[in-house]
């Protein structure tokens, strides 16, 4: 961890020096940084889904009854955190879609426009895949969550999917 901290400090120093010299970084750097942030967020979200699944499996006995007294309290918290991360990832995708739309508009005025939709499509597909995994875990844990929390979560899920489809 100490080595990582030192390397990070050195890289931050180099980044500051480049920014000071050039006053800005190239667009490709920002795009790559955005892709890495999204990938990291998606991996974190996938990890949360696996945590939820493991917690549910740990808390269920052979007959399907809840055995662990701490499971009902931890599971809703974990699910709410995962849904919050899903919404953050959705916002990143929507922001990228908006940027793509704006670039398309500017292309009509002669600006350079990268028409490749493959990276954006991959983002949407990955997000929807995690969305369905998380929704499946929530539906499986519906008895442990209670009707009020379940209805709020399903409403949030519907909002995420509808906003992605609409845009």
Protein backbone atom coordinates (compact mmCIF):
# COMPACT_ATOMS: atom_id res chain seq x y z
CA UNK A 1 0.00 0.00 0.00
CA UNK A 2 2.90 2.30 0.71
CA UNK A 3 4.34 1.63 -2.75
CA UNK A 4 0.98 2.40 -4.33
CA UNK A 5 0.79 5.66 -2.39
CA UNK A 6 4.27 6.67 -3.57
CA UNK A 7 3.55 5.78 -7.20
CA UNK A 8 0.24 7.65 -7.03
CA UNK A 9 1.96 10.73 -5.62
CA UNK A 10 4.57 10.63 -8.39
CA UNK A 11 1.88 10.27 -11.07
CA UNK A 12 -0.14 13.13 -9.58
CA UNK A 13 3.00 15.27 -9.65
CA UNK A 14 3.61 14.40 -13.30
CA UNK A 15 0.01 15.13 -14.17
CA UNK A 16 0.24 18.52 -12.44
CA UNK A 17 3.45 19.29 -14.36
CA UNK A 18 1.84 18.37 -17.69
CA UNK A 19 -1.22 20.46 -16.88
CA UNK A 20 0.95 23.39 -15.90
CA UNK A 21 2.97 23.14 -19.09
CA UNK A 22 0.13 22.51 -21.54
CA UNK A 23 -2.73 24.07 -19.55
CA UNK A 24 -4.91 21.17 -20.68
CA UNK A 25 -4.75 17.51 -21.50
CA UNK A 26 -5.67 16.07 -24.87
CA UNK A 27 -9.25 14.98 -25.44
CA UNK A 28 -8.16 11.34 -25.79
CA UNK A 29 -6.77 11.46 -22.24
CA UNK A 30 -10.10 12.69 -20.85
CA UNK A 31 -12.03 10.12 -22.83
CA UNK A 32 -9.76 7.32 -21.61
CA UNK A 33 -10.06 8.59 -18.03
CA UNK A 34 -13.85 8.60 -18.35
CA UNK A 35 -13.81 5.04 -19.72
CA UNK A 36 -11.67 3.86 -16.81
CA UNK A 37 -13.97 5.52 -14.27
CA UNK A 38 -16.98 3.85 -15.83
CA UNK A 39 -15.26 0.45 -15.97
CA UNK A 40 -14.24 0.75 -12.34
CA UNK A 41 -17.76 1.72 -11.29
CA UNK A 42 -19.21 -1.18 -13.25
CA UNK A 43 -16.76 -3.64 -11.67
CA UNK A 44 -17.63 -2.29 -8.24
CA UNK A 45 -21.31 -2.74 -9.04
CA UNK A 46 -20.75 -6.32 -10.21
CA UNK A 47 -18.87 -7.00 -6.99
CA UNK A 48 -21.84 -5.62 -5.00
CA UNK A 49 -24.19 -7.96 -6.85
CA UNK A 50 -21.95 -10.93 -5.98
CA UNK A 51 -21.84 -9.74 -2.34
CA UNK A 52 -25.63 -9.58 -2.23
CA UNK A 53 -25.90 -13.04 -3.70
CA UNK A 54 -23.35 -14.45 -1.25
CA UNK A 55 -25.09 -12.78 1.70
CA UNK A 56 -28.45 -14.17 0.62
CA UNK A 57 -27.03 -17.68 0.19
CA UNK A 58 -25.25 -17.46 3.54
CA UNK A 59 -28.41 -16.36 5.32
CA UNK A 60 -30.64 -19.06 3.87
CA UNK A 61 -30.72 -22.49 5.42
CA UNK A 62 -31.54 -25.74 3.68
CA UNK A 63 -35.27 -25.27 4.15
CA UNK A 64 -35.12 -21.67 2.87
CA UNK A 65 -35.59 -20.06 6.28
CA UNK A 66 -33.38 -17.17 7.33
CA UNK A 67 -30.78 -18.43 9.80
CA UNK A 68 -28.51 -15.46 10.31
CA UNK A 69 -30.01 -12.67 12.42
CA UNK A 70 -27.72 -10.05 10.86
CA UNK A 71 -28.75 -10.81 7.26
CA UNK A 72 -32.05 -8.89 7.24
CA UNK A 73 -30.29 -5.74 8.43
CA UNK A 74 -27.23 -5.89 6.17
CA UNK A 75 -28.97 -6.99 2.97
CA UNK A 76 -31.16 -3.88 2.50
CA UNK A 77 -28.18 -1.60 3.12
CA UNK A 78 -26.07 -3.49 0.59
CA UNK A 79 -28.87 -3.45 -1.97
CA UNK A 80 -29.47 0.29 -1.50
CA UNK A 81 -25.75 0.99 -2.00
CA UNK A 82 -25.79 -1.13 -5.16
CA UNK A 83 -28.83 0.68 -6.53
CA UNK A 84 -27.16 4.01 -5.81
CA UNK A 85 -24.06 2.87 -7.73
CA UNK A 86 -26.30 1.68 -10.57
CA UNK A 87 -27.83 5.15 -10.77
CA UNK A 88 -24.37 6.75 -10.83
CA UNK A 89 -23.31 4.44 -13.68
CA UNK A 90 -26.54 5.30 -15.51
CA UNK A 91 -25.73 9.00 -15.18
CA UNK A 92 -22.28 8.40 -16.67
CA UNK A 93 -23.81 6.59 -19.64
CA UNK A 94 -26.41 9.32 -20.15
CA UNK A 95 -23.70 11.98 -19.98
CA UNK A 96 -21.71 10.14 -22.65
CA UNK A 97 -24.84 9.83 -24.82
CA UNK A 98 -25.42 13.58 -24.46
CA UNK A 99 -21.82 14.30 -25.47
CA UNK A 100 -22.20 12.05 -28.51
CA UNK A 101 -25.42 13.84 -29.51
CA UNK A 102 -23.74 17.23 -29.16
CA UNK A 103 -20.76 16.11 -31.23
CA UNK A 104 -23.18 14.89 -33.89
CA UNK A 105 -24.85 18.33 -33.93
CA UNK A 106 -21.51 20.09 -34.22
CA UNK A 107 -20.51 17.81 -37.09
CA UNK A 108 -23.16 19.59 -39.15
CA UNK A 109 -21.01 22.72 -38.78
CA UNK A 110 -17.86 20.91 -39.88
CA UNK A 111 -16.48 19.75 -36.53
CA UNK A 112 -14.70 16.42 -36.33
CA UNK A 113 -17.13 13.66 -35.37
CA UNK A 114 -16.35 10.10 -34.41
CA UNK A 115 -19.36 8.12 -35.57
CA UNK A 116 -18.34 4.86 -33.90
CA UNK A 117 -21.15 3.88 -31.55
CA UNK A 118 -19.56 0.58 -30.47
CA UNK A 119 -18.04 1.88 -27.18
CA UNK A 120 -21.30 3.58 -26.22
CA UNK A 121 -23.31 0.50 -27.11
CA UNK A 122 -20.95 -1.69 -25.06
CA UNK A 123 -21.43 0.63 -22.07
CA UNK A 124 -25.20 0.39 -22.34
CA UNK A 125 -25.13 -3.39 -22.74
CA UNK A 126 -22.84 -3.85 -19.74
CA UNK A 127 -24.97 -1.57 -17.60
CA UNK A 128 -28.19 -3.33 -18.57
CA UNK A 129 -26.61 -6.71 -17.86
CA UNK A 130 -25.67 -5.62 -14.34
CA UNK A 131 -29.09 -3.99 -13.99
CA UNK A 132 -30.85 -7.30 -14.63
CA UNK A 133 -28.50 -9.21 -12.30
CA UNK A 134 -29.18 -6.73 -9.51
CA UNK A 135 -32.92 -6.74 -10.15
CA UNK A 136 -32.89 -10.54 -10.03
CA UNK A 137 -31.16 -10.46 -6.64
CA UNK A 138 -33.64 -7.90 -5.33
CA UNK A 139 -36.60 -9.99 -6.48
CA UNK A 140 -35.06 -13.08 -4.87
CA UNK A 141 -34.66 -11.17 -1.61
CA UNK A 142 -38.12 -9.63 -1.74
CA UNK A 143 -39.35 -11.39 1.40
CA UNK A 144 -36.36 -10.13 3.39
CA UNK A 145 -36.75 -6.54 2.16
CA UNK A 146 -40.38 -5.93 2.97
CA UNK A 147 -43.10 -4.56 0.69
CA UNK A 148 -42.36 -0.85 1.19
CA UNK A 149 -38.64 -1.07 0.40
CA UNK A 150 -39.27 -3.48 -2.45
CA UNK A 151 -41.74 -1.11 -4.12
CA UNK A 152 -39.29 1.81 -3.80
CA UNK A 153 -36.48 -0.28 -5.26
CA UNK A 154 -38.62 -1.46 -8.16
CA UNK A 155 -39.60 2.15 -8.85
CA UNK A 156 -35.93 3.14 -8.94
CA UNK A 157 -35.16 0.21 -11.25
CA UNK A 158 -37.95 1.25 -13.61
CA UNK A 159 -36.62 4.81 -13.66
CA UNK A 160 -33.09 3.62 -14.51
CA UNK A 161 -34.23 1.42 -17.38
CA UNK A 162 -36.76 3.89 -18.77
CA UNK A 163 -34.28 6.75 -18.81
CA UNK A 164 -31.73 4.59 -20.61
CA UNK A 165 -34.25 3.45 -23.21
CA UNK A 166 -35.68 6.93 -23.76
CA UNK A 167 -32.31 8.53 -24.38
